[in-house]
Amino acid sequence: MRITQRTPLLLLSLALFSACGTAPQEKGSDATSGQGPTSGQEIGHGDGPRFDGTYSTVMGERSLYLMRFFPKGNVVLSAGPVDMRESLTSMLTEDAAGEPEIGYYNVPVTRRNDSLFFEVEALRGSISYACLIGEDVLHVLKHSHINGRKAQLEYAFTPDP
């Protein structure tokens, strides 16, 4: 079942954090190092995320956050000023090395039903993502293990030209 854009974010919070939590990482894995995924599962079946474009959200008026999923089970994330959309989007390639020091990551994704889970290792600690797949939108719960803050975001899908 897909969640529509009208789904209240409170329902999203309850569904993701109560039922699923965040995806466990294998001990000793460098899956969150930003150096590319070491493992992952295929996420390209059924009603999974779209692979023919990017998901994005704008925070404030100037900060753009992008992510692109790949069928083999990884997601590449980048962030920067809104006016750099084209160059940030071009960084979202399946084999991206990632550079955590600039907020650029390539990490494995775990899929459970209509939810996706992944974690990035930032300079000062980890940030976990729990996402519900909607119609051309991802409802995202982002949890910083650095400062304890949680944010509910919607990432809109933009197809490739």
Protein backbone atom coordinates (compact mmCIF):
# COMPACT_ATOMS: atom_id res chain seq x y z
CA MET A 1 0.00 0.00 0.00
CA ARG A 2 1.36 3.43 -0.93
CA ILE A 3 0.97 6.45 1.29
CA THR A 4 -0.44 9.55 -0.44
CA GLN A 5 0.76 13.13 0.01
CA ARG A 6 -2.25 13.81 2.21
CA THR A 7 -1.14 11.33 4.87
CA PRO A 8 -0.53 13.18 8.13
CA LEU A 9 3.07 13.12 9.26
CA LEU A 10 1.96 12.01 12.71
CA LEU A 11 0.80 8.73 11.17
CA LEU A 12 4.17 8.47 9.44
CA SER A 13 5.97 8.94 12.73
CA LEU A 14 3.95 6.28 14.47
CA ALA A 15 4.27 3.79 11.63
CA LEU A 16 8.02 4.12 11.21
CA PHE A 17 9.32 4.55 14.72
CA SER A 18 6.85 2.33 16.57
CA ALA A 19 6.79 -0.60 14.17
CA CYS A 20 10.16 -0.61 12.47
CA GLY A 21 12.76 1.55 14.14
CA THR A 22 15.89 2.18 12.15
CA ALA A 23 17.80 -0.33 10.11
CA PRO A 24 20.45 -2.24 11.99
CA GLN A 25 24.00 -2.02 10.74
CA GLU A 26 26.31 -4.99 10.79
CA LYS A 27 29.11 -4.75 13.33
CA GLY A 28 32.39 -3.93 11.69
CA SER A 29 30.69 -2.70 8.52
CA ASP A 30 31.78 0.54 6.95
CA ALA A 31 28.35 0.90 5.41
CA THR A 32 27.95 4.42 6.77
CA SER A 33 31.45 5.68 6.02
CA GLY A 34 30.45 7.53 2.86
CA GLN A 35 32.86 5.41 0.83
CA GLY A 36 30.16 3.50 -1.00
CA PRO A 37 27.92 0.72 0.19
CA THR A 38 29.47 -2.53 1.33
CA SER A 39 26.20 -4.40 1.21
CA GLY A 40 22.58 -3.78 0.39
CA GLN A 41 19.57 -5.52 -0.95
CA GLU A 42 17.83 -4.96 -4.23
CA ILE A 43 15.16 -2.38 -3.64
CA GLY A 44 13.84 -2.21 -7.18
CA HIS A 45 10.80 -4.44 -6.92
CA GLY A 46 7.12 -3.64 -6.43
CA ASP A 47 6.23 -0.20 -5.18
CA GLY A 48 9.77 0.82 -4.29
CA PRO A 49 11.41 4.18 -4.76
CA ARG A 50 11.81 5.61 -8.24
CA PHE A 51 15.22 5.38 -9.91
CA ASP A 52 14.64 7.69 -12.89
CA GLY A 53 15.23 10.97 -11.07
CA THR A 54 15.93 12.59 -7.71
CA TYR A 55 14.09 13.25 -4.48
CA SER A 56 14.63 16.71 -3.00
CA THR A 57 13.58 19.02 -0.21
CA VAL A 58 14.42 22.63 0.58
CA MET A 59 15.02 23.75 4.15
CA GLY A 60 14.77 27.43 4.87
CA GLU A 61 15.01 29.34 1.64
CA ARG A 62 18.46 28.32 0.50
CA SER A 63 19.42 24.77 1.57
CA LEU A 64 18.72 21.96 -0.87
CA TYR A 65 18.91 18.29 0.10
CA LEU A 66 18.92 15.65 -2.63
CA MET A 67 18.87 11.86 -2.77
CA ARG A 68 18.82 9.32 -5.54
CA PHE A 69 18.12 5.61 -5.12
CA PHE A 70 19.58 2.80 -7.21
CA PRO A 71 18.08 -0.66 -7.84
CA LYS A 72 21.03 -2.56 -6.37
CA GLY A 73 20.25 -1.17 -2.92
CA ASN A 74 22.07 2.10 -2.36
CA VAL A 75 21.19 5.77 -2.05
CA VAL A 76 23.43 8.75 -2.78
CA LEU A 77 22.79 11.99 -0.89
CA SER A 78 24.13 15.51 -1.37
CA ALA A 79 23.30 18.92 0.02
CA GLY A 80 24.09 22.54 -0.78
CA PRO A 81 22.66 25.88 -1.86
CA VAL A 82 19.48 25.84 -3.96
CA ASP A 83 21.23 27.65 -6.82
CA MET A 84 23.64 24.70 -7.20
CA ARG A 85 20.87 22.16 -8.00
CA GLU A 86 22.35 21.07 -11.34
CA SER A 87 25.85 20.41 -10.04
CA LEU A 88 24.54 18.69 -6.90
CA THR A 89 22.26 16.48 -8.99
CA SER A 90 25.16 15.48 -11.26
CA MET A 91 26.99 14.10 -8.20
CA LEU A 92 24.26 11.52 -7.59
CA THR A 93 25.79 8.57 -9.41
CA GLU A 94 25.56 4.90 -8.43
CA ASP A 95 29.31 4.50 -7.92
CA ALA A 96 29.87 7.81 -6.06
CA ALA A 97 32.74 7.58 -3.57
CA GLY A 98 31.09 9.99 -1.16
CA GLU A 99 32.77 12.63 0.97
CA PRO A 100 31.19 12.84 4.44
CA GLU A 101 33.12 16.01 5.26
CA ILE A 102 31.00 17.89 2.69
CA GLY A 103 27.70 16.05 3.29
CA TYR A 104 28.00 13.69 0.30
CA TYR A 105 27.19 10.03 0.98
CA ASN A 106 26.68 6.69 -0.77
CA VAL A 107 25.16 4.16 1.63
CA PRO A 108 23.21 0.90 1.55
CA VAL A 109 19.45 0.91 1.99
CA THR A 110 17.30 -1.63 3.81
CA ARG A 111 13.74 -2.03 2.56
CA ARG A 112 10.89 -3.33 4.67
CA ASN A 113 7.56 -3.36 2.81
CA ASP A 114 6.87 0.28 1.85
CA SER A 115 9.62 1.71 4.08
CA LEU A 116 13.30 2.42 3.47
CA PHE A 117 15.99 2.74 6.14
CA PHE A 118 19.57 3.96 5.95
CA GLU A 119 22.16 5.76 8.02
CA VAL A 120 24.99 8.14 7.21
CA GLU A 121 28.08 8.77 9.29
CA ALA A 122 28.65 12.53 9.50
CA LEU A 123 31.79 14.12 10.92
CA ARG A 124 30.49 14.22 14.50
CA GLY A 125 28.19 11.17 14.52
CA SER A 126 25.44 9.35 12.68
CA ILE A 127 22.13 10.45 11.16
CA SER A 128 19.45 7.85 10.47
CA TYR A 129 16.67 8.07 7.93
CA ALA A 130 13.36 6.23 7.91
CA CYS A 131 11.30 6.81 4.76
CA LEU A 132 7.77 5.89 3.72
CA ILE A 133 7.36 5.64 -0.04
CA GLY A 134 4.48 7.74 -1.38
CA GLU A 135 3.23 8.82 -4.79
CA ASP A 136 6.25 10.74 -6.12
CA VAL A 137 7.20 11.74 -2.58
CA LEU A 138 9.17 10.29 0.31
CA HIS A 139 7.95 11.00 3.81
CA VAL A 140 11.20 11.09 5.77
CA LEU A 141 11.99 10.97 9.46
CA LYS A 142 15.55 12.16 9.95
CA HIS A 143 17.13 11.53 13.35
CA SER A 144 20.46 13.09 14.30
CA HIS A 145 22.29 10.95 16.83
CA ILE A 146 24.68 13.91 17.17
CA ASN A 147 22.26 16.33 18.85
CA GLY A 148 19.13 14.18 19.29
CA ARG A 149 16.99 16.28 16.95
CA LYS A 150 14.34 14.68 14.76
CA ALA A 151 12.81 16.23 11.66
CA GLN A 152 9.84 15.21 9.52
CA LEU A 153 10.46 16.09 5.88
CA GLU A 154 8.90 15.48 2.51
CA TYR A 155 11.23 14.85 -0.42
CA ALA A 156 9.46 15.49 -3.74
CA PHE A 157 10.42 13.43 -6.79
CA THR A 158 11.72 15.11 -9.94
CA PRO A 159 12.17 12.85 -13.01
CA ASP A 160 15.30 13.05 -15.14
CA PRO A 161 14.98 15.33 -18.20
